PDB file of N, CA and C in Angstrom:
ATOM      1  N   MET A   1     201.306  90.081 201.708  1.00  0.00           N
ATOM      2  CA  MET A   1     202.399  89.407 200.904  1.00  0.00           C
ATOM      3  C   MET A   1     202.143  87.941 200.851  1.00  0.00           C
ATOM      4  N   ARG A   2     202.536  87.390 199.663  1.00  0.00           N
ATOM      5  CA  ARG A   2     202.355  85.854 199.478  1.00  0.00           C
ATOM      6  C   ARG A   2     203.562  85.348 198.852  1.00  0.00           C
ATOM      7  N   VAL A   3     204.162  84.256 199.434  1.00  0.00           N
ATOM      8  CA  VAL A   3     205.448  83.767 199.052  1.00  0.00           C
ATOM      9  C   VAL A   3     205.274  82.221 198.883  1.00  0.00           C
ATOM     10  N   ARG A   4     205.867  81.661 197.815  1.00  0.00           N
ATOM     11  CA  ARG A   4     205.892  80.295 197.591  1.00  0.00           C
ATOM     12  C   ARG A   4     207.325  79.742 197.825  1.00  0.00           C
ATOM     13  N   VAL A   5     207.495  78.786 198.761  1.00  0.00           N
ATOM     14  CA  VAL A   5     208.747  78.224 198.966  1.00  0.00           C
ATOM     15  C   VAL A   5     208.790  76.837 198.468  1.00  0.00           C
ATOM     16  N   THR A   6     209.903  76.517 197.714  1.00  0.00           N
ATOM     17  CA  THR A   6     210.095  75.213 197.162  1.00  0.00           C
ATOM     18  C   THR A   6     211.554  74.896 197.549  1.00  0.00           C
ATOM     19  N   TYR A   7     211.734  73.896 198.457  1.00  0.00           N
ATOM     20  CA  TYR A   7     213.020  73.496 198.975  1.00  0.00           C
ATOM     21  C   TYR A   7     213.021  72.047 199.352  1.00  0.00           C
ATOM     22  N   ARG A   8     213.955  71.304 198.834  1.00  0.00           N
ATOM     23  CA  ARG A   8     214.054  69.885 199.100  1.00  0.00           C
ATOM     24  C   ARG A   8     215.374  69.459 199.573  1.00  0.00           C
ATOM     25  N   THR A   9     215.408  68.724 200.660  1.00  0.00           N
ATOM     26  CA  THR A   9     216.616  68.132 201.137  1.00  0.00           C
ATOM     27  C   THR A   9     216.278  66.642 201.518  1.00  0.00           C
ATOM     28  N   PRO A  10     217.216  65.825 201.839  1.00  0.00           N
ATOM     29  CA  PRO A  10     216.879  64.478 202.339  1.00  0.00           C
ATOM     30  C   PRO A  10     216.034  64.473 203.574  1.00  0.00           C
ATOM     31  N   ASP A  11     216.197  65.462 204.328  1.00  0.00           N
ATOM     32  CA  ASP A  11     215.397  65.629 205.648  1.00  0.00           C
ATOM     33  C   ASP A  11     214.132  66.408 205.520  1.00  0.00           C
ATOM     34  N   MET A  12     214.003  67.182 204.501  1.00  0.00           N
ATOM     35  CA  MET A  12     212.876  68.180 204.457  1.00  0.00           C
ATOM     36  C   MET A  12     212.374  68.388 203.082  1.00  0.00           C
ATOM     37  N   ASP A  13     211.100  68.431 202.907  1.00  0.00           N
ATOM     38  CA  ASP A  13     210.488  68.643 201.522  1.00  0.00           C
ATOM     39  C   ASP A  13     209.403  69.771 201.710  1.00  0.00           C
ATOM     40  N   ILE A  14     209.735  70.953 201.285  1.00  0.00           N
ATOM     41  CA  ILE A  14     208.799  71.996 201.354  1.00  0.00           C
ATOM     42  C   ILE A  14     208.380  72.577 200.000  1.00  0.00           C
ATOM     43  N   ASP A  15     207.054  72.555 199.765  1.00  0.00           N
ATOM     44  CA  ASP A  15     206.496  73.150 198.582  1.00  0.00           C
ATOM     45  C   ASP A  15     205.180  73.782 199.055  1.00  0.00           C
ATOM     46  N   GLU A  16     205.287  75.070 199.511  1.00  0.00           N
ATOM     47  CA  GLU A  16     204.179  75.569 200.319  1.00  0.00           C
ATOM     48  C   GLU A  16     204.114  77.092 200.112  1.00  0.00           C
ATOM     49  N   GLU A  17     202.926  77.695 200.269  1.00  0.00           N
ATOM     50  CA  GLU A  17     202.686  79.160 200.195  1.00  0.00           C
ATOM     51  C   GLU A  17     202.588  79.608 201.664  1.00  0.00           C
ATOM     52  N   PHE A  18     203.142  80.860 201.839  1.00  0.00           N
ATOM     53  CA  PHE A  18     203.103  81.467 203.089  1.00  0.00           C
ATOM     54  C   PHE A  18     202.579  82.927 202.965  1.00  0.00           C
ATOM     55  N   THR A  19     201.666  83.394 203.742  1.00  0.00           N
ATOM     56  CA  THR A  19     201.152  84.741 203.648  1.00  0.00           C
ATOM     57  C   THR A  19     201.324  85.451 204.922  1.00  0.00           C
ATOM     58  N   GLY A  20     201.302  86.810 204.767  1.00  0.00           N
ATOM     59  CA  GLY A  20     201.385  87.711 205.949  1.00  0.00           C
ATOM     60  C   GLY A  20     201.326  89.168 205.424  1.00  0.00           C
ATOM     61  N   ALA A  21     201.114  90.066 206.391  1.00  0.00           N
ATOM     62  CA  ALA A  21     200.998  91.524 206.016  1.00  0.00           C
ATOM     63  C   ALA A  21     202.320  92.089 205.520  1.00  0.00           C
ATOM     64  N   GLY A  22     203.419  91.453 205.825  1.00  0.00           N
ATOM     65  CA  GLY A  22     204.748  91.841 205.347  1.00  0.00           C
ATOM     66  C   GLY A  22     205.754  90.780 205.538  1.00  0.00           C
ATOM     67  N   ALA A  23     206.945  91.126 205.312  1.00  0.00           N
ATOM     68  CA  ALA A  23     208.040  90.062 205.341  1.00  0.00           C
ATOM     69  C   ALA A  23     208.165  89.403 206.726  1.00  0.00           C
ATOM     70  N   ASP A  24     207.995  90.144 207.806  1.00  0.00           N
ATOM     71  CA  ASP A  24     208.135  89.636 209.158  1.00  0.00           C
ATOM     72  C   ASP A  24     207.074  88.576 209.391  1.00  0.00           C
ATOM     73  N   GLU A  25     205.846  88.876 208.947  1.00  0.00           N
ATOM     74  CA  GLU A  25     204.750  87.829 209.178  1.00  0.00           C
ATOM     75  C   GLU A  25     204.931  86.597 208.254  1.00  0.00           C
ATOM     76  N   VAL A  26     205.407  86.900 207.078  1.00  0.00           N
ATOM     77  CA  VAL A  26     205.656  85.647 206.216  1.00  0.00           C
ATOM     78  C   VAL A  26     206.735  84.732 206.792  1.00  0.00           C
ATOM     79  N   VAL A  27     207.876  85.373 207.239  1.00  0.00           N
ATOM     80  CA  VAL A  27     208.913  84.602 207.869  1.00  0.00           C
ATOM     81  C   VAL A  27     208.426  83.883 209.121  1.00  0.00           C
ATOM     82  N   ALA A  28     207.544  84.572 209.971  1.00  0.00           N
ATOM     83  CA  ALA A  28     206.943  83.954 211.121  1.00  0.00           C
ATOM     84  C   ALA A  28     206.136  82.660 210.751  1.00  0.00           C
ATOM     85  N   ALA A  29     205.411  82.836 209.576  1.00  0.00           N
ATOM     86  CA  ALA A  29     204.581  81.650 209.140  1.00  0.00           C
ATOM     87  C   ALA A  29     205.534  80.529 208.717  1.00  0.00           C
ATOM     88  N   MET A  30     206.621  80.901 208.058  1.00  0.00           N
ATOM     89  CA  MET A  30     207.602  79.882 207.694  1.00  0.00           C
ATOM     90  C   MET A  30     208.168  79.151 208.865  1.00  0.00           C
ATOM     91  N   GLN A  31     208.517  79.945 209.919  1.00  0.00           N
ATOM     92  CA  GLN A  31     209.039  79.497 211.136  1.00  0.00           C
ATOM     93  C   GLN A  31     208.077  78.491 211.842  1.00  0.00           C
ATOM     94  N   LYS A  32     206.868  78.798 211.777  1.00  0.00           N
ATOM     95  CA  LYS A  32     205.821  78.031 212.440  1.00  0.00           C
ATOM     96  C   LYS A  32     205.709  76.656 211.734  1.00  0.00           C
ATOM     97  N   ALA A  33     205.786  76.576 210.370  1.00  0.00           N
ATOM     98  CA  ALA A  33     205.702  75.442 209.574  1.00  0.00           C
ATOM     99  C   ALA A  33     206.907  74.522 209.868  1.00  0.00           C
ATOM    100  N   VAL A  34     208.112  75.116 209.916  1.00  0.00           N
ATOM    101  CA  VAL A  34     209.302  74.325 210.180  1.00  0.00           C
ATOM    102  C   VAL A  34     209.188  73.759 211.598  1.00  0.00           C
ATOM    103  N   ALA A  35     208.827  74.539 212.592  1.00  0.00           N
ATOM    104  CA  ALA A  35     208.671  74.016 213.988  1.00  0.00           C
ATOM    105  C   ALA A  35     207.632  72.877 214.055  1.00  0.00           C
ATOM    106  N   ALA A  36     206.627  72.950 213.334  1.00  0.00           N
ATOM    107  CA  ALA A  36     205.557  71.971 213.331  1.00  0.00           C
ATOM    108  C   ALA A  36     206.141  70.539 212.848  1.00  0.00           C
ATOM    109  N   ARG A  37     207.102  70.614 211.966  1.00  0.00           N
ATOM    110  CA  ARG A  37     207.638  69.430 211.369  1.00  0.00           C
ATOM    111  C   ARG A  37     208.847  68.916 212.078  1.00  0.00           C
ATOM    112  N   ALA A  38     209.429  69.669 212.989  1.00  0.00           N
ATOM    113  CA  ALA A  38     210.717  69.422 213.700  1.00  0.00           C
ATOM    114  C   ALA A  38     210.448  68.437 214.917  1.00  0.00           C
ATOM    115  N   PRO A  39     211.450  67.656 215.260  1.00  0.00           N
ATOM    116  CA  PRO A  39     211.375  66.877 216.482  1.00  0.00           C
ATOM    117  C   PRO A  39     211.323  67.853 217.729  1.00  0.00           C
ATOM    118  N   LEU A  40     210.813  67.341 218.793  1.00  0.00           N
ATOM    119  CA  LEU A  40     210.468  68.190 220.042  1.00  0.00           C
ATOM    120  C   LEU A  40     211.575  69.116 220.390  1.00  0.00           C
ATOM    121  N   GLY A  41     212.758  68.615 220.564  1.00  0.00           N
ATOM    122  CA  GLY A  41     213.917  69.578 220.988  1.00  0.00           C
ATOM    123  C   GLY A  41     214.094  70.729 219.978  1.00  0.00           C
ATOM    124  N   LEU A  42     214.141  70.403 218.670  1.00  0.00           N
ATOM    125  CA  LEU A  42     214.283  71.443 217.677  1.00  0.00           C
ATOM    126  C   LEU A  42     213.134  72.274 217.633  1.00  0.00           C
ATOM    127  N   ARG A  43     211.952  71.733 217.756  1.00  0.00           N
ATOM    128  CA  ARG A  43     210.737  72.482 217.712  1.00  0.00           C
ATOM    129  C   ARG A  43     210.732  73.584 218.793  1.00  0.00           C
ATOM    130  N   LEU A  44     211.168  73.222 219.994  1.00  0.00           N
ATOM    131  CA  LEU A  44     211.161  74.208 221.089  1.00  0.00           C
ATOM    132  C   LEU A  44     212.253  75.337 220.773  1.00  0.00           C
ATOM    133  N   PHE A  45     213.341  74.929 220.232  1.00  0.00           N
ATOM    134  CA  PHE A  45     214.401  75.878 219.863  1.00  0.00           C
ATOM    135  C   PHE A  45     213.882  76.864 218.805  1.00  0.00           C
ATOM    136  N   VAL A  46     213.309  76.305 217.695  1.00  0.00           N
ATOM    137  CA  VAL A  46     212.834  77.122 216.590  1.00  0.00           C
ATOM    138  C   VAL A  46     211.635  78.055 217.129  1.00  0.00           C
ATOM    139  N   GLY A  47     210.799  77.477 217.845  1.00  0.00           N
ATOM    140  CA  GLY A  47     209.675  78.242 218.323  1.00  0.00           C
ATOM    141  C   GLY A  47     210.091  79.396 219.190  1.00  0.00           C
ATOM    142  N   ALA A  48     211.197  79.318 219.800  1.00  0.00           N
ATOM    143  CA  ALA A  48     211.603  80.432 220.768  1.00  0.00           C
ATOM    144  C   ALA A  48     212.301  81.608 220.075  1.00  0.00           C
ATOM    145  N   LEU A  49     212.663  81.464 218.856  1.00  0.00           N
ATOM    146  CA  LEU A  49     213.391  82.424 218.057  1.00  0.00           C
ATOM    147  C   LEU A  49     212.379  83.501 217.596  1.00  0.00           C
ATOM    148  N   ARG A  50     212.965  84.671 217.430  1.00  0.00           N
ATOM    149  CA  ARG A  50     212.223  85.769 216.664  1.00  0.00           C
ATOM    150  C   ARG A  50     212.297  85.455 215.199  1.00  0.00           C
ATOM    151  N   PRO A  51     211.392  85.956 214.426  1.00  0.00           N
ATOM    152  CA  PRO A  51     211.459  85.695 212.969  1.00  0.00           C
ATOM    153  C   PRO A  51     212.842  86.029 212.373  1.00  0.00           C
ATOM    154  N   LEU A  52     213.418  87.093 212.662  1.00  0.00           N
ATOM    155  CA  LEU A  52     214.697  87.449 212.156  1.00  0.00           C
ATOM    156  C   LEU A  52     215.769  86.437 212.556  1.00  0.00           C
ATOM    157  N   SER A  53     215.719  86.069 213.799  1.00  0.00           N
ATOM    158  CA  SER A  53     216.733  85.080 214.213  1.00  0.00           C
ATOM    159  C   SER A  53     216.510  83.815 213.557  1.00  0.00           C
ATOM    160  N   PHE A  54     215.296  83.427 213.249  1.00  0.00           N
ATOM    161  CA  PHE A  54     214.947  82.197 212.560  1.00  0.00           C
ATOM    162  C   PHE A  54     215.575  82.262 211.166  1.00  0.00           C
ATOM    163  N   ALA A  55     215.392  83.424 210.567  1.00  0.00           N
ATOM    164  CA  ALA A  55     215.867  83.604 209.151  1.00  0.00           C
ATOM    165  C   ALA A  55     217.399  83.414 209.134  1.00  0.00           C
ATOM    166  N   GLN A  56     218.073  84.113 210.080  1.00  0.00           N
ATOM    167  CA  GLN A  56     219.535  84.064 210.217  1.00  0.00           C
ATOM    168  C   GLN A  56     220.021  82.615 210.386  1.00  0.00           C
ATOM    169  N   VAL A  57     219.368  81.826 211.266  1.00  0.00           N
ATOM    170  CA  VAL A  57     219.773  80.412 211.460  1.00  0.00           C
ATOM    171  C   VAL A  57     219.512  79.645 210.211  1.00  0.00           C
ATOM    172  N   ALA A  58     218.356  79.941 209.550  1.00  0.00           N
ATOM    173  CA  ALA A  58     218.124  79.283 208.269  1.00  0.00           C
ATOM    174  C   ALA A  58     219.144  79.509 207.230  1.00  0.00           C
ATOM    175  N   VAL A  59     219.664  80.738 207.156  1.00  0.00           N
ATOM    176  CA  VAL A  59     220.775  81.041 206.200  1.00  0.00           C
ATOM    177  C   VAL A  59     222.029  80.349 206.597  1.00  0.00           C
ATOM    178  N   ASP A  60     222.363  80.342 207.940  1.00  0.00           N
ATOM    179  CA  ASP A  60     223.515  79.581 208.319  1.00  0.00           C
ATOM    180  C   ASP A  60     223.434  78.100 207.984  1.00  0.00           C
ATOM    181  N   ARG A  61     222.312  77.482 208.201  1.00  0.00           N
ATOM    182  CA  ARG A  61     222.104  76.091 207.905  1.00  0.00           C
ATOM    183  C   ARG A  61     222.194  75.812 206.393  1.00  0.00           C
ATOM    184  N   TYR A  62     221.626  76.783 205.587  1.00  0.00           N
ATOM    185  CA  TYR A  62     221.598  76.569 204.135  1.00  0.00           C
ATOM    186  C   TYR A  62     223.032  76.726 203.656  1.00  0.00           C
ATOM    187  N   ASN A  63     223.758  77.724 204.173  1.00  0.00           N
ATOM    188  CA  ASN A  63     225.162  77.861 203.769  1.00  0.00           C
ATOM    189  C   ASN A  63     225.989  76.647 204.066  1.00  0.00           C
ATOM    190  N   ASP A  64     225.775  75.980 205.134  1.00  0.00           N
ATOM    191  CA  ASP A  64     226.478  74.750 205.514  1.00  0.00           C
ATOM    192  C   ASP A  64     226.050  73.638 204.573  1.00  0.00           C
ATOM    193  N   ALA A  65     224.778  73.485 204.328  1.00  0.00           N
ATOM    194  CA  ALA A  65     224.345  72.382 203.483  1.00  0.00           C
ATOM    195  C   ALA A  65     224.744  72.642 202.019  1.00  0.00           C
ATOM    196  N   ALA A  66     224.566  73.844 201.478  1.00  0.00           N
ATOM    197  CA  ALA A  66     224.769  74.104 200.042  1.00  0.00           C
ATOM    198  C   ALA A  66     226.221  74.597 199.797  1.00  0.00           C
ATOM    199  N   ARG A  67     227.021  74.665 200.875  1.00  0.00           N
ATOM    200  CA  ARG A  67     228.417  75.179 200.699  1.00  0.00           C
ATOM    201  C   ARG A  67     228.526  76.438 199.991  1.00  0.00           C
ATOM    202  N   THR A  68     227.645  77.398 200.515  1.00  0.00           N
ATOM    203  CA  THR A  68     227.611  78.710 199.944  1.00  0.00           C
ATOM    204  C   THR A  68     227.946  79.739 201.060  1.00  0.00           C
ATOM    205  N   ASP A  69     227.981  80.990 200.718  1.00  0.00           N
ATOM    206  CA  ASP A  69     228.345  82.010 201.698  1.00  0.00           C
ATOM    207  C   ASP A  69     227.424  83.276 201.599  1.00  0.00           C
ATOM    208  N   ILE A  70     226.110  82.972 201.753  1.00  0.00           N
ATOM    209  CA  ILE A  70     225.096  84.082 201.692  1.00  0.00           C
ATOM    210  C   ILE A  70     225.262  84.830 203.016  1.00  0.00           C
ATOM    211  N   ALA A  71     225.169  86.156 202.918  1.00  0.00           N
ATOM    212  CA  ALA A  71     225.307  87.031 204.022  1.00  0.00           C
ATOM    213  C   ALA A  71     224.088  86.806 204.984  1.00  0.00           C
ATOM    214  N   ARG A  72     224.226  86.855 206.204  1.00  0.00           N
ATOM    215  CA  ARG A  72     223.130  86.793 207.184  1.00  0.00           C
ATOM    216  C   ARG A  72     222.274  87.981 206.954  1.00  0.00           C
ATOM    217  N   PRO A  73     220.987  87.762 206.903  1.00  0.00           N
ATOM    218  CA  PRO A  73     220.097  88.931 206.631  1.00  0.00           C
ATOM    219  C   PRO A  73     219.960  89.818 207.888  1.00  0.00           C
ATOM    220  N   ALA A  74     219.842  91.145 207.683  1.00  0.00           N
ATOM    221  CA  ALA A  74     219.618  92.110 208.729  1.00  0.00           C
ATOM    222  C   ALA A  74     218.136  92.289 208.934  1.00  0.00           C
ATOM    223  N   THR A  75     217.316  91.936 207.987  1.00  0.00           N
ATOM    224  CA  THR A  75     215.899  92.006 208.028  1.00  0.00           C
ATOM    225  C   THR A  75     215.208  90.805 207.415  1.00  0.00           C
ATOM    226  N   CYS A  76     213.960  90.609 207.686  1.00  0.00           N
ATOM    227  CA  CYS A  76     213.221  89.531 207.046  1.00  0.00           C
ATOM    228  C   CYS A  76     213.095  89.710 205.588  1.00  0.00           C
ATOM    229  N   GLU A  77     213.015  90.997 205.184  1.00  0.00           N
ATOM    230  CA  GLU A  77     212.858  91.376 203.705  1.00  0.00           C
ATOM    231  C   GLU A  77     214.137  90.889 202.989  1.00  0.00           C
ATOM    232  N   GLU A  78     215.337  91.155 203.625  1.00  0.00           N
ATOM    233  CA  GLU A  78     216.518  90.639 203.025  1.00  0.00           C
ATOM    234  C   GLU A  78     216.588  89.126 202.872  1.00  0.00           C
ATOM    235  N   PHE A  79     216.066  88.479 203.897  1.00  0.00           N
ATOM    236  CA  PHE A  79     216.024  87.096 203.838  1.00  0.00           C
ATOM    237  C   PHE A  79     215.210  86.489 202.713  1.00  0.00           C
ATOM    238  N   LEU A  80     214.044  87.189 202.445  1.00  0.00           N
ATOM    239  CA  LEU A  80     213.172  86.772 201.327  1.00  0.00           C
ATOM    240  C   LEU A  80     213.864  87.080 199.998  1.00  0.00           C
ATOM    241  N   ARG A  81     214.596  88.245 199.882  1.00  0.00           N
ATOM    242  CA  ARG A  81     215.232  88.553 198.584  1.00  0.00           C
ATOM    243  C   ARG A  81     216.425  87.567 198.396  1.00  0.00           C
ATOM    244  N   ALA A  82     217.106  87.125 199.426  1.00  0.00           N
ATOM    245  CA  ALA A  82     218.131  86.157 199.280  1.00  0.00           C
ATOM    246  C   ALA A  82     217.562  84.814 198.822  1.00  0.00           C
ATOM    247  N   GLY A  83     216.436  84.451 199.343  1.00  0.00           N
ATOM    248  CA  GLY A  83     215.766  83.156 198.945  1.00  0.00           C
ATOM    249  C   GLY A  83     215.285  83.224 197.472  1.00  0.00           C
ATOM    250  N   GLU A  84     214.905  84.396 197.020  1.00  0.00           N
ATOM    251  CA  GLU A  84     214.541  84.606 195.605  1.00  0.00           C
ATOM    252  C   GLU A  84     215.789  84.437 194.710  1.00  0.00           C
ATOM    253  N   ARG A  85     216.898  85.082 195.078  1.00  0.00           N
ATOM    254  CA  ARG A  85     218.125  84.962 194.353  1.00  0.00           C
ATOM    255  C   ARG A  85     218.666  83.462 194.226  1.00  0.00           C
ATOM    256  N   GLU A  86     218.398  82.758 195.306  1.00  0.00           N
ATOM    257  CA  GLU A  86     218.812  81.343 195.310  1.00  0.00           C
ATOM    258  C   GLU A  86     217.828  80.436 194.597  1.00  0.00           C
ATOM    259  N   GLY A  87     216.761  80.952 194.182  1.00  0.00           N
ATOM    260  CA  GLY A  87     215.699  80.119 193.589  1.00  0.00           C
ATOM    261  C   GLY A  87     214.887  79.285 194.493  1.00  0.00           C
ATOM    262  N   LEU A  88     214.934  79.599 195.809  1.00  0.00           N
ATOM    263  CA  LEU A  88     214.193  78.827 196.825  1.00  0.00           C
ATOM    264  C   LEU A  88     212.761  79.320 197.047  1.00  0.00           C
ATOM    265  N   LEU A  89     212.504  80.541 196.625  1.00  0.00           N
ATOM    266  CA  LEU A  89     211.170  81.032 196.859  1.00  0.00           C
ATOM    267  C   LEU A  89     210.772  82.104 195.782  1.00  0.00           C
ATOM    268  N   THR A  90     209.512  82.285 195.631  1.00  0.00           N
ATOM    269  CA  THR A  90     208.962  83.169 194.709  1.00  0.00           C
ATOM    270  C   THR A  90     208.038  84.080 195.466  1.00  0.00           C
ATOM    271  N   VAL A  91     208.152  85.390 195.319  1.00  0.00           N
ATOM    272  CA  VAL A  91     207.142  86.396 195.915  1.00  0.00           C
ATOM    273  C   VAL A  91     206.031  86.454 194.888  1.00  0.00           C
ATOM    274  N   LEU A  92     204.918  85.916 195.240  1.00  0.00           N
ATOM    275  CA  LEU A  92     203.692  85.841 194.315  1.00  0.00           C
ATOM    276  C   LEU A  92     202.898  87.116 194.360  1.00  0.00           C
ATOM    277  N   ASP A  93     202.803  87.704 195.613  1.00  0.00           N
ATOM    278  CA  ASP A  93     202.070  88.978 195.730  1.00  0.00           C
ATOM    279  C   ASP A  93     202.736  89.784 196.815  1.00  0.00           C
ATOM    280  N   PRO A  94     203.523  90.816 196.380  1.00  0.00           N
ATOM    281  CA  PRO A  94     204.184  91.678 197.266  1.00  0.00           C
ATOM    282  C   PRO A  94     203.234  92.490 198.085  1.00  0.00           C
TER     283      PRO A  94
END
């Protein structure tokens, strides 16, 4: 699976492709990229999460920032589908 994420905020600018055998691995790759860019305290927090927990936290933070009410995903696949609906990512190769 190959996914391209395009997301810009004052604090973060992401225009990157992530790959993995499935949704869980793609989200884990996203998580690793976010952790690498984060300050030490946040890096430790992000790195300690499971991919699904990372996805849920990401949705919570997005909801706060965008003033939306996207449901917390129950799977990494749901997270990717929600990202597609919001125009934040494109699945290039399912």
